[in-house]
Amino acid sequence: MNYITTQMCNYQKKRVDFIAEHKFKSANELPFSHDVLTDLIELKKIIYMDFGGKKQFPTFQFNKSGQVYPVLQTHLPQLLNSDWNVWEVCFWLYQERTVTLKRLKPDARLLKKVSLHHMLKIAKKARELTETCVAKPIDIVTTGDNRMFKAFVEDWLTPDHRTIPEPDVSIEP
């Protein structure tokens, strides 16, 4: 078995496992009119899978009132218009990740004539001021934290181009 075949088998298994672990609703079971649902689908503001020509909607995306979580709905167009397909987006939502939310990057020019002792103090302070989050993206969706979910989305889609905010503090040697 070659690498590509192995990867395809693994991907198929992930899909089968995902389907077995999640509940789905048909369009008739959703609290949306036909026109509203059509708009949500066209605008990529709802996740659906096509099973034999029938659209099925994973229930994890809905809050208690049956609406798509607002935080998820805000970022779904970006996620679903990316290079990743709907299955990969769903897998990503349930995969624990570590994302840096804030980090302090001391200015290297200030460190040129600093003693090792001061450099270690600065590095320790920078570590203390670094904020990270370890979570599954879907768990952030359910809390409604748009800032944090946006950071997770950007970290996944554009990790090399993401600007990580710095805390409002200056470190002097």
C-alpha atoms as a PDB file:
ATOM      1  CA  MET A   1       0.000   0.000   0.000  1.00  0.00           C
ATOM      2  CA  ASN A   2       1.517   3.342  -0.981  1.00  0.00           C
ATOM      3  CA  TYR A   3       1.430   6.585   0.989  1.00  0.00           C
ATOM      4  CA  ILE A   4      -1.458   8.185  -0.936  1.00  0.00           C
ATOM      5  CA  THR A   5      -3.623   5.085  -0.580  1.00  0.00           C
ATOM      6  CA  THR A   6      -2.874   4.989   3.149  1.00  0.00           C
ATOM      7  CA  GLN A   7      -3.785   8.652   3.522  1.00  0.00           C
ATOM      8  CA  MET A   8      -7.054   8.133   1.625  1.00  0.00           C
ATOM      9  CA  CYS A   9      -7.937   5.177   3.866  1.00  0.00           C
ATOM     10  CA  ASN A  10      -7.173   7.254   6.971  1.00  0.00           C
ATOM     11  CA  TYR A  11      -9.296  10.126   5.651  1.00  0.00           C
ATOM     12  CA  GLN A  12     -12.212   7.795   4.897  1.00  0.00           C
ATOM     13  CA  LYS A  13     -11.947   6.308   8.389  1.00  0.00           C
ATOM     14  CA  LYS A  14     -12.001   9.798   9.929  1.00  0.00           C
ATOM     15  CA  ARG A  15     -15.160  10.583   7.977  1.00  0.00           C
ATOM     16  CA  VAL A  16     -16.863   7.360   9.038  1.00  0.00           C
ATOM     17  CA  ASP A  17     -15.857   7.951  12.671  1.00  0.00           C
ATOM     18  CA  PHE A  18     -17.045  11.563  12.539  1.00  0.00           C
ATOM     19  CA  ILE A  19     -20.435  10.519  11.153  1.00  0.00           C
ATOM     20  CA  ALA A  20     -20.771   7.863  13.858  1.00  0.00           C
ATOM     21  CA  GLU A  21     -19.880  10.327  16.633  1.00  0.00           C
ATOM     22  CA  HIS A  22     -22.139  13.220  15.587  1.00  0.00           C
ATOM     23  CA  LYS A  23     -25.821  13.791  15.058  1.00  0.00           C
ATOM     24  CA  PHE A  24     -27.207  15.348  11.915  1.00  0.00           C
ATOM     25  CA  LYS A  25     -30.485  17.037  11.042  1.00  0.00           C
ATOM     26  CA  SER A  26     -32.240  17.263   7.717  1.00  0.00           C
ATOM     27  CA  ALA A  27     -33.361  20.609   6.302  1.00  0.00           C
ATOM     28  CA  ASN A  28     -36.927  19.875   7.457  1.00  0.00           C
ATOM     29  CA  GLU A  29     -35.771  19.611  11.070  1.00  0.00           C
ATOM     30  CA  LEU A  30     -34.164  23.062  11.130  1.00  0.00           C
ATOM     31  CA  PRO A  31     -35.973  26.226  12.285  1.00  0.00           C
ATOM     32  CA  PHE A  32     -35.260  28.046   9.013  1.00  0.00           C
ATOM     33  CA  SER A  33     -37.538  28.786   6.104  1.00  0.00           C
ATOM     34  CA  HIS A  34     -36.468  27.373   2.750  1.00  0.00           C
ATOM     35  CA  ASP A  35     -35.300  30.839   1.597  1.00  0.00           C
ATOM     36  CA  VAL A  36     -33.296  31.527   4.766  1.00  0.00           C
ATOM     37  CA  LEU A  37     -31.644  28.106   4.613  1.00  0.00           C
ATOM     38  CA  THR A  38     -30.817  28.614   0.934  1.00  0.00           C
ATOM     39  CA  ASP A  39     -29.178  31.958   1.797  1.00  0.00           C
ATOM     40  CA  LEU A  40     -27.207  30.411   4.677  1.00  0.00           C
ATOM     41  CA  ILE A  41     -25.917  27.697   2.359  1.00  0.00           C
ATOM     42  CA  GLU A  42     -25.041  30.103  -0.476  1.00  0.00           C
ATOM     43  CA  LEU A  43     -23.307  32.518   1.906  1.00  0.00           C
ATOM     44  CA  LYS A  44     -21.488  29.575   3.550  1.00  0.00           C
ATOM     45  CA  LYS A  45     -22.844  30.447   6.977  1.00  0.00           C
ATOM     46  CA  ILE A  46     -23.900  26.903   7.825  1.00  0.00           C
ATOM     47  CA  ILE A  47     -22.143  23.537   7.621  1.00  0.00           C
ATOM     48  CA  TYR A  48     -23.756  20.724   5.684  1.00  0.00           C
ATOM     49  CA  MET A  49     -22.750  17.432   4.188  1.00  0.00           C
ATOM     50  CA  ASP A  50     -24.291  15.809   1.162  1.00  0.00           C
ATOM     51  CA  PHE A  51     -25.332  12.206   1.765  1.00  0.00           C
ATOM     52  CA  GLY A  52     -26.796  10.668  -1.359  1.00  0.00           C
ATOM     53  CA  GLY A  53     -28.106  13.986  -2.655  1.00  0.00           C
ATOM     54  CA  LYS A  54     -29.644  14.989   0.691  1.00  0.00           C
ATOM     55  CA  LYS A  55     -28.190  17.802   2.736  1.00  0.00           C
ATOM     56  CA  GLN A  56     -27.502  16.912   6.371  1.00  0.00           C
ATOM     57  CA  PHE A  57     -26.503  19.482   8.959  1.00  0.00           C
ATOM     58  CA  PRO A  58     -24.282  18.510  11.914  1.00  0.00           C
ATOM     59  CA  THR A  59     -26.022  19.515  15.139  1.00  0.00           C
ATOM     60  CA  PHE A  60     -22.850  20.676  16.899  1.00  0.00           C
ATOM     61  CA  GLN A  61     -23.122  24.008  15.066  1.00  0.00           C
ATOM     62  CA  PHE A  62     -26.482  24.896  16.623  1.00  0.00           C
ATOM     63  CA  ASN A  63     -27.137  26.581  19.948  1.00  0.00           C
ATOM     64  CA  LYS A  64     -30.099  25.739  22.212  1.00  0.00           C
ATOM     65  CA  SER A  65     -32.466  27.849  20.142  1.00  0.00           C
ATOM     66  CA  GLY A  66     -31.494  26.007  16.962  1.00  0.00           C
ATOM     67  CA  GLN A  67     -29.485  28.853  15.436  1.00  0.00           C
ATOM     68  CA  VAL A  68     -25.916  28.552  14.187  1.00  0.00           C
ATOM     69  CA  TYR A  69     -23.607  29.825  16.927  1.00  0.00           C
ATOM     70  CA  PRO A  70     -22.953  33.484  16.007  1.00  0.00           C
ATOM     71  CA  VAL A  71     -19.169  33.166  16.486  1.00  0.00           C
ATOM     72  CA  LEU A  72     -19.052  30.168  14.153  1.00  0.00           C
ATOM     73  CA  GLN A  73     -21.373  31.768  11.619  1.00  0.00           C
ATOM     74  CA  THR A  74     -19.163  34.866  11.485  1.00  0.00           C
ATOM     75  CA  HIS A  75     -16.102  32.830  10.513  1.00  0.00           C
ATOM     76  CA  LEU A  76     -17.670  30.028   8.462  1.00  0.00           C
ATOM     77  CA  PRO A  77     -17.401  31.883   5.131  1.00  0.00           C
ATOM     78  CA  GLN A  78     -13.649  32.257   5.669  1.00  0.00           C
ATOM     79  CA  LEU A  79     -13.297  28.622   6.752  1.00  0.00           C
ATOM     80  CA  LEU A  80     -15.471  27.170   3.985  1.00  0.00           C
ATOM     81  CA  ASN A  81     -13.883  29.350   1.288  1.00  0.00           C
ATOM     82  CA  SER A  82     -10.385  28.220   2.272  1.00  0.00           C
ATOM     83  CA  ASP A  83      -8.351  25.424   0.732  1.00  0.00           C
ATOM     84  CA  TRP A  84      -9.897  23.008   3.248  1.00  0.00           C
ATOM     85  CA  ASN A  85     -13.090  21.091   2.516  1.00  0.00           C
ATOM     86  CA  VAL A  86     -16.079  20.866   4.851  1.00  0.00           C
ATOM     87  CA  TRP A  87     -14.861  17.589   6.368  1.00  0.00           C
ATOM     88  CA  GLU A  88     -11.465  19.037   7.187  1.00  0.00           C
ATOM     89  CA  VAL A  89     -13.139  22.078   8.771  1.00  0.00           C
ATOM     90  CA  CYS A  90     -15.215  19.753  10.955  1.00  0.00           C
ATOM     91  CA  PHE A  91     -12.164  17.677  11.904  1.00  0.00           C
ATOM     92  CA  TRP A  92     -10.332  20.909  12.787  1.00  0.00           C
ATOM     93  CA  LEU A  93     -13.200  22.083  15.001  1.00  0.00           C
ATOM     94  CA  TYR A  94     -12.800  18.964  17.133  1.00  0.00           C
ATOM     95  CA  GLN A  95      -9.013  18.811  17.268  1.00  0.00           C
ATOM     96  CA  GLU A  96      -7.337  20.269  20.350  1.00  0.00           C
ATOM     97  CA  ARG A  97      -4.888  23.007  19.450  1.00  0.00           C
ATOM     98  CA  THR A  98      -2.566  25.446  21.166  1.00  0.00           C
ATOM     99  CA  VAL A  99      -2.754  29.018  19.945  1.00  0.00           C
ATOM    100  CA  THR A 100      -0.767  32.027  21.108  1.00  0.00           C
ATOM    101  CA  LEU A 101      -3.135  34.903  21.782  1.00  0.00           C
ATOM    102  CA  LYS A 102      -0.556  37.459  22.952  1.00  0.00           C
ATOM    103  CA  ARG A 103       3.202  37.463  23.134  1.00  0.00           C
ATOM    104  CA  LEU A 104       5.858  39.937  23.984  1.00  0.00           C
ATOM    105  CA  LYS A 105       8.776  40.135  21.590  1.00  0.00           C
ATOM    106  CA  PRO A 106      11.564  42.186  23.150  1.00  0.00           C
ATOM    107  CA  ASP A 107      13.271  44.484  20.693  1.00  0.00           C
ATOM    108  CA  ALA A 108      16.560  42.789  19.764  1.00  0.00           C
ATOM    109  CA  ARG A 109      18.267  46.190  19.434  1.00  0.00           C
ATOM    110  CA  LEU A 110      17.737  46.760  23.149  1.00  0.00           C
ATOM    111  CA  LEU A 111      19.401  43.466  23.977  1.00  0.00           C
ATOM    112  CA  LYS A 112      22.769  44.155  22.312  1.00  0.00           C
ATOM    113  CA  LYS A 113      24.594  45.446  25.376  1.00  0.00           C
ATOM    114  CA  VAL A 114      22.548  43.749  28.062  1.00  0.00           C
ATOM    115  CA  SER A 115      24.072  41.395  30.587  1.00  0.00           C
ATOM    116  CA  LEU A 116      23.068  37.757  30.590  1.00  0.00           C
ATOM    117  CA  HIS A 117      21.342  38.291  33.941  1.00  0.00           C
ATOM    118  CA  HIS A 118      19.139  41.072  32.506  1.00  0.00           C
ATOM    119  CA  MET A 119      18.488  39.095  29.338  1.00  0.00           C
ATOM    120  CA  LEU A 120      17.212  36.165  31.410  1.00  0.00           C
ATOM    121  CA  LYS A 121      14.961  38.538  33.391  1.00  0.00           C
ATOM    122  CA  ILE A 122      13.559  39.937  30.157  1.00  0.00           C
ATOM    123  CA  ALA A 123      12.975  36.434  28.756  1.00  0.00           C
ATOM    124  CA  LYS A 124      11.190  35.414  31.972  1.00  0.00           C
ATOM    125  CA  LYS A 125       8.959  38.512  31.844  1.00  0.00           C
ATOM    126  CA  ALA A 126       8.204  37.860  28.154  1.00  0.00           C
ATOM    127  CA  ARG A 127       7.144  34.285  29.008  1.00  0.00           C
ATOM    128  CA  GLU A 128       4.924  35.577  31.829  1.00  0.00           C
ATOM    129  CA  LEU A 129       3.225  38.014  29.472  1.00  0.00           C
ATOM    130  CA  THR A 130       2.615  35.404  26.768  1.00  0.00           C
ATOM    131  CA  GLU A 131      -0.993  34.258  26.644  1.00  0.00           C
ATOM    132  CA  THR A 132      -1.867  30.925  25.038  1.00  0.00           C
ATOM    133  CA  CYS A 133      -5.005  28.862  24.848  1.00  0.00           C
ATOM    134  CA  VAL A 134      -5.244  25.088  24.556  1.00  0.00           C
ATOM    135  CA  ALA A 135      -8.720  24.062  23.397  1.00  0.00           C
ATOM    136  CA  LYS A 136     -10.840  22.517  20.712  1.00  0.00           C
ATOM    137  CA  PRO A 137     -12.144  25.308  18.472  1.00  0.00           C
ATOM    138  CA  ILE A 138     -15.719  24.039  18.902  1.00  0.00           C
ATOM    139  CA  ASP A 139     -15.440  24.626  22.658  1.00  0.00           C
ATOM    140  CA  ILE A 140     -14.517  28.255  22.011  1.00  0.00           C
ATOM    141  CA  VAL A 141     -17.469  28.582  19.643  1.00  0.00           C
ATOM    142  CA  THR A 142     -19.869  27.569  22.419  1.00  0.00           C
ATOM    143  CA  THR A 143     -18.434  30.194  24.793  1.00  0.00           C
ATOM    144  CA  GLY A 144     -19.048  32.954  22.242  1.00  0.00           C
ATOM    145  CA  ASP A 145     -15.506  34.331  22.470  1.00  0.00           C
ATOM    146  CA  ASN A 146     -15.085  35.854  19.012  1.00  0.00           C
ATOM    147  CA  ARG A 147     -11.573  37.239  19.658  1.00  0.00           C
ATOM    148  CA  MET A 148     -10.248  33.849  20.682  1.00  0.00           C
ATOM    149  CA  PHE A 149     -12.015  31.929  17.906  1.00  0.00           C
ATOM    150  CA  LYS A 150     -10.730  34.434  15.345  1.00  0.00           C
ATOM    151  CA  ALA A 151      -7.183  33.760  16.595  1.00  0.00           C
ATOM    152  CA  PHE A 152      -7.729  30.003  16.183  1.00  0.00           C
ATOM    153  CA  VAL A 153      -9.078  30.494  12.645  1.00  0.00           C
ATOM    154  CA  GLU A 154      -6.184  32.754  11.637  1.00  0.00           C
ATOM    155  CA  ASP A 155      -3.648  30.400  13.209  1.00  0.00           C
ATOM    156  CA  TRP A 156      -5.020  27.515  11.143  1.00  0.00           C
ATOM    157  CA  LEU A 157      -5.582  29.294   7.832  1.00  0.00           C
ATOM    158  CA  THR A 158      -2.647  31.734   7.751  1.00  0.00           C
ATOM    159  CA  PRO A 159      -0.149  30.750  10.454  1.00  0.00           C
ATOM    160  CA  ASP A 160       2.813  32.413   8.732  1.00  0.00           C
ATOM    161  CA  HIS A 161       1.009  35.720   8.188  1.00  0.00           C
ATOM    162  CA  ARG A 162      -0.797  36.038  11.490  1.00  0.00           C
ATOM    163  CA  THR A 163      -0.075  39.099  13.579  1.00  0.00           C
ATOM    164  CA  ILE A 164      -0.059  38.122  17.244  1.00  0.00           C
ATOM    165  CA  PRO A 165      -0.986  41.035  19.486  1.00  0.00           C
ATOM    166  CA  GLU A 166       1.535  42.200  22.052  1.00  0.00           C
ATOM    167  CA  PRO A 167       0.572  43.122  25.617  1.00  0.00           C
ATOM    168  CA  ASP A 168       0.705  46.800  26.516  1.00  0.00           C
ATOM    169  CA  VAL A 169       3.944  46.773  28.470  1.00  0.00           C
ATOM    170  CA  SER A 170       7.537  47.696  27.848  1.00  0.00           C
ATOM    171  CA  ILE A 171      10.501  45.805  29.194  1.00  0.00           C
ATOM    172  CA  GLU A 172      13.600  47.768  29.893  1.00  0.00           C
ATOM    173  CA  PRO A 173      16.947  46.109  30.675  1.00  0.00           C
END
